[in-house]
C-alpha atoms as a PDB file:
ATOM      1  CA  MET A   1      80.459 -85.022 -28.356  1.00  0.00           C
ATOM      2  CA  GLU A   2      83.358 -83.420 -26.609  1.00  0.00           C
ATOM      3  CA  TYR A   3      84.941 -80.293 -27.947  1.00  0.00           C
ATOM      4  CA  PHE A   4      88.604 -79.565 -27.271  1.00  0.00           C
ATOM      5  CA  ARG A   5      90.637 -76.460 -27.596  1.00  0.00           C
ATOM      6  CA  GLU A   6      93.928 -76.659 -29.510  1.00  0.00           C
ATOM      7  CA  LYS A   7      96.928 -76.044 -27.377  1.00  0.00           C
ATOM      8  CA  TYR A   8      98.925 -74.246 -30.115  1.00  0.00           C
ATOM      9  CA  ILE A   9      98.183 -71.408 -32.504  1.00  0.00           C
ATOM     10  CA  ASN A  10      98.467 -72.195 -36.168  1.00  0.00           C
ATOM     11  CA  PRO A  11     100.298 -69.436 -37.740  1.00  0.00           C
ATOM     12  CA  PHE A  12      99.177 -70.499 -41.281  1.00  0.00           C
ATOM     13  CA  THR A  13      95.568 -69.388 -40.529  1.00  0.00           C
ATOM     14  CA  ASP A  14      94.417 -65.779 -40.689  1.00  0.00           C
ATOM     15  CA  TYR A  15      93.464 -65.798 -36.938  1.00  0.00           C
ATOM     16  CA  GLY A  16      96.791 -67.466 -35.903  1.00  0.00           C
ATOM     17  CA  PHE A  17      98.938 -65.029 -37.835  1.00  0.00           C
ATOM     18  CA  LYS A  18      97.081 -62.073 -36.565  1.00  0.00           C
ATOM     19  CA  LYS A  19      97.318 -63.392 -32.949  1.00  0.00           C
ATOM     20  CA  LEU A  20     100.982 -63.990 -33.260  1.00  0.00           C
ATOM     21  CA  PHE A  21     102.130 -60.950 -35.080  1.00  0.00           C
ATOM     22  CA  GLY A  22      99.240 -58.438 -34.839  1.00  0.00           C
ATOM     23  CA  GLU A  23      99.281 -57.553 -31.237  1.00  0.00           C
ATOM     24  CA  GLU A  24     101.265 -54.836 -29.575  1.00  0.00           C
ATOM     25  CA  PRO A  25     103.270 -57.065 -27.175  1.00  0.00           C
ATOM     26  CA  ASN A  26     104.614 -59.008 -30.199  1.00  0.00           C
ATOM     27  CA  LYS A  27     105.745 -55.995 -32.242  1.00  0.00           C
ATOM     28  CA  ASP A  28     109.375 -57.096 -32.109  1.00  0.00           C
ATOM     29  CA  LEU A  29     108.469 -60.591 -33.163  1.00  0.00           C
ATOM     30  CA  LEU A  30     106.735 -59.155 -36.244  1.00  0.00           C
ATOM     31  CA  LEU A  31     109.781 -56.909 -37.033  1.00  0.00           C
ATOM     32  CA  ASP A  32     112.211 -59.883 -36.727  1.00  0.00           C
ATOM     33  CA  PHE A  33     109.960 -61.962 -38.996  1.00  0.00           C
ATOM     34  CA  LEU A  34     109.654 -59.283 -41.682  1.00  0.00           C
ATOM     35  CA  ASN A  35     113.471 -58.731 -41.547  1.00  0.00           C
ATOM     36  CA  GLU A  36     114.169 -62.342 -42.104  1.00  0.00           C
ATOM     37  CA  LEU A  37     112.145 -62.470 -45.305  1.00  0.00           C
ATOM     38  CA  GLU A  38     114.763 -62.221 -48.163  1.00  0.00           C
ATOM     39  CA  GLY A  39     114.139 -60.029 -51.197  1.00  0.00           C
ATOM     40  CA  ILE A  40     111.327 -57.942 -49.730  1.00  0.00           C
ATOM     41  CA  CYS A  41     113.237 -54.738 -49.160  1.00  0.00           C
ATOM     42  CA  GLU A  42     116.865 -53.699 -49.184  1.00  0.00           C
ATOM     43  CA  GLU A  43     117.014 -51.988 -45.752  1.00  0.00           C
ATOM     44  CA  LYS A  44     116.024 -53.396 -42.465  1.00  0.00           C
ATOM     45  CA  ILE A  45     112.575 -52.466 -41.056  1.00  0.00           C
ATOM     46  CA  LYS A  46     112.802 -50.406 -37.932  1.00  0.00           C
ATOM     47  CA  LYS A  47     110.545 -49.388 -35.177  1.00  0.00           C
ATOM     48  CA  ARG A  48     109.027 -45.942 -35.206  1.00  0.00           C
ATOM     49  CA  GLY A  49     109.772 -43.608 -32.299  1.00  0.00           C
END
């Protein structure tokens, strides 16, 4: 039986979401994602520092 590795990360799984948004190089991607969600907060989320 051959095993294959998926080519893409599924963002709907816990692992995929953490891999896409939970790593330091992807911090800007996470901020953009959170800022696009409507109704979560009134002000834009900003980076610290």
